[in-house]
Amino acid sequence: RVNDALSKFDSYERKIDDLESQVDAYDLGKKTLNDEFAELESDDEIDDELAALKKTMKSKAAANKKSD
């Protein structure tokens, strides 16, 4: 069950990455350097949140396996 959730989560992550790539392709040349830096900082924050969520999910899955 947890593996299915993680699999779906990874699938959504790939879809979001694909959509972001498409948006970036449309926005080429419209962004300033400051805009690019702000976007990279935002991406880092999202990556950190995602890593924390994955760690929490894996911890819960491990705890569930131990209790079984």
C-alpha atoms as a PDB file:
ATOM      1  CA  ARG A   1       0.000   0.000   0.000  1.00  0.00           C
ATOM      2  CA  VAL A   2       2.754   2.421   0.904  1.00  0.00           C
ATOM      3  CA  ASN A   3       4.762   1.333  -2.121  1.00  0.00           C
ATOM      4  CA  ASP A   4       1.770   2.116  -4.325  1.00  0.00           C
ATOM      5  CA  ALA A   5       1.498   5.571  -2.774  1.00  0.00           C
ATOM      6  CA  LEU A   6       5.201   6.224  -3.287  1.00  0.00           C
ATOM      7  CA  SER A   7       4.962   4.990  -6.857  1.00  0.00           C
ATOM      8  CA  LYS A   8       2.052   7.326  -7.562  1.00  0.00           C
ATOM      9  CA  PHE A   9       3.908  10.155  -5.871  1.00  0.00           C
ATOM     10  CA  ASP A  10       6.947   9.559  -8.097  1.00  0.00           C
ATOM     11  CA  SER A  11       4.700   9.435 -11.141  1.00  0.00           C
ATOM     12  CA  TYR A  12       3.144  12.788 -10.255  1.00  0.00           C
ATOM     13  CA  GLU A  13       6.585  14.203  -9.637  1.00  0.00           C
ATOM     14  CA  ARG A  14       7.677  13.176 -13.153  1.00  0.00           C
ATOM     15  CA  LYS A  15       4.522  14.693 -14.659  1.00  0.00           C
ATOM     16  CA  ILE A  16       5.133  17.956 -12.826  1.00  0.00           C
ATOM     17  CA  ASP A  17       8.739  17.991 -14.011  1.00  0.00           C
ATOM     18  CA  ASP A  18       7.554  17.497 -17.584  1.00  0.00           C
ATOM     19  CA  LEU A  19       5.046  20.329 -17.278  1.00  0.00           C
ATOM     20  CA  GLU A  20       7.672  22.610 -15.756  1.00  0.00           C
ATOM     21  CA  SER A  21       9.967  21.837 -18.672  1.00  0.00           C
ATOM     22  CA  GLN A  22       7.245  22.803 -21.121  1.00  0.00           C
ATOM     23  CA  VAL A  23       6.572  26.054 -19.297  1.00  0.00           C
ATOM     24  CA  ASP A  24      10.288  26.826 -19.203  1.00  0.00           C
ATOM     25  CA  ALA A  25      10.473  26.286 -22.954  1.00  0.00           C
ATOM     26  CA  TYR A  26       7.685  28.819 -23.497  1.00  0.00           C
ATOM     27  CA  ASP A  27       9.294  31.348 -21.161  1.00  0.00           C
ATOM     28  CA  LEU A  28      12.762  31.322 -22.749  1.00  0.00           C
ATOM     29  CA  GLY A  29      14.127  34.819 -22.959  1.00  0.00           C
ATOM     30  CA  LYS A  30      11.409  36.375 -20.806  1.00  0.00           C
ATOM     31  CA  LYS A  31      13.097  35.888 -17.449  1.00  0.00           C
ATOM     32  CA  THR A  32      15.722  38.091 -15.869  1.00  0.00           C
ATOM     33  CA  LEU A  33      18.713  36.676 -14.057  1.00  0.00           C
ATOM     34  CA  ASN A  34      17.113  37.582 -10.721  1.00  0.00           C
ATOM     35  CA  ASP A  35      13.994  35.657 -11.747  1.00  0.00           C
ATOM     36  CA  GLU A  36      16.141  32.609 -12.494  1.00  0.00           C
ATOM     37  CA  PHE A  37      17.861  32.799  -9.086  1.00  0.00           C
ATOM     38  CA  ALA A  38      14.517  33.144  -7.300  1.00  0.00           C
ATOM     39  CA  GLU A  39      13.208  30.128  -9.177  1.00  0.00           C
ATOM     40  CA  LEU A  40      16.262  28.038  -8.271  1.00  0.00           C
ATOM     41  CA  GLU A  41      15.880  28.955  -4.590  1.00  0.00           C
ATOM     42  CA  SER A  42      12.225  27.963  -4.730  1.00  0.00           C
ATOM     43  CA  ASP A  43      13.118  24.664  -6.385  1.00  0.00           C
ATOM     44  CA  ASP A  44      15.596  23.905  -3.601  1.00  0.00           C
ATOM     45  CA  GLU A  45      12.921  24.502  -0.973  1.00  0.00           C
ATOM     46  CA  ILE A  46      10.504  22.200  -2.799  1.00  0.00           C
ATOM     47  CA  ASP A  47      13.174  19.515  -3.129  1.00  0.00           C
ATOM     48  CA  ASP A  48      13.859  19.742   0.611  1.00  0.00           C
ATOM     49  CA  GLU A  49      10.158  19.413   1.416  1.00  0.00           C
ATOM     50  CA  LEU A  50       9.844  16.467  -0.954  1.00  0.00           C
ATOM     51  CA  ALA A  51      12.828  14.712   0.611  1.00  0.00           C
ATOM     52  CA  ALA A  52      11.341  15.216   4.082  1.00  0.00           C
ATOM     53  CA  LEU A  53       8.001  13.812   2.927  1.00  0.00           C
ATOM     54  CA  LYS A  54       9.652  10.758   1.378  1.00  0.00           C
ATOM     55  CA  LYS A  55      11.658  10.184   4.566  1.00  0.00           C
ATOM     56  CA  THR A  56       8.472  10.369   6.639  1.00  0.00           C
ATOM     57  CA  MET A  57       6.678   7.936   4.334  1.00  0.00           C
ATOM     58  CA  LYS A  58       9.572   5.455   4.468  1.00  0.00           C
ATOM     59  CA  SER A  59       9.763   5.723   8.261  1.00  0.00           C
ATOM     60  CA  LYS A  60       6.060   5.008   8.568  1.00  0.00           C
ATOM     61  CA  ALA A  61       6.354   2.089   6.175  1.00  0.00           C
ATOM     62  CA  ALA A  62       9.240   0.639   8.186  1.00  0.00           C
ATOM     63  CA  ALA A  63       7.302   1.072  11.430  1.00  0.00           C
ATOM     64  CA  ASN A  64       4.290  -0.676   9.915  1.00  0.00           C
ATOM     65  CA  LYS A  65       6.449  -3.603   8.791  1.00  0.00           C
ATOM     66  CA  LYS A  66       7.932  -3.978  12.272  1.00  0.00           C
ATOM     67  CA  SER A  67       4.487  -4.027  13.885  1.00  0.00           C
ATOM     68  CA  ASP A  68       3.259  -6.720  11.464  1.00  0.00           C
END
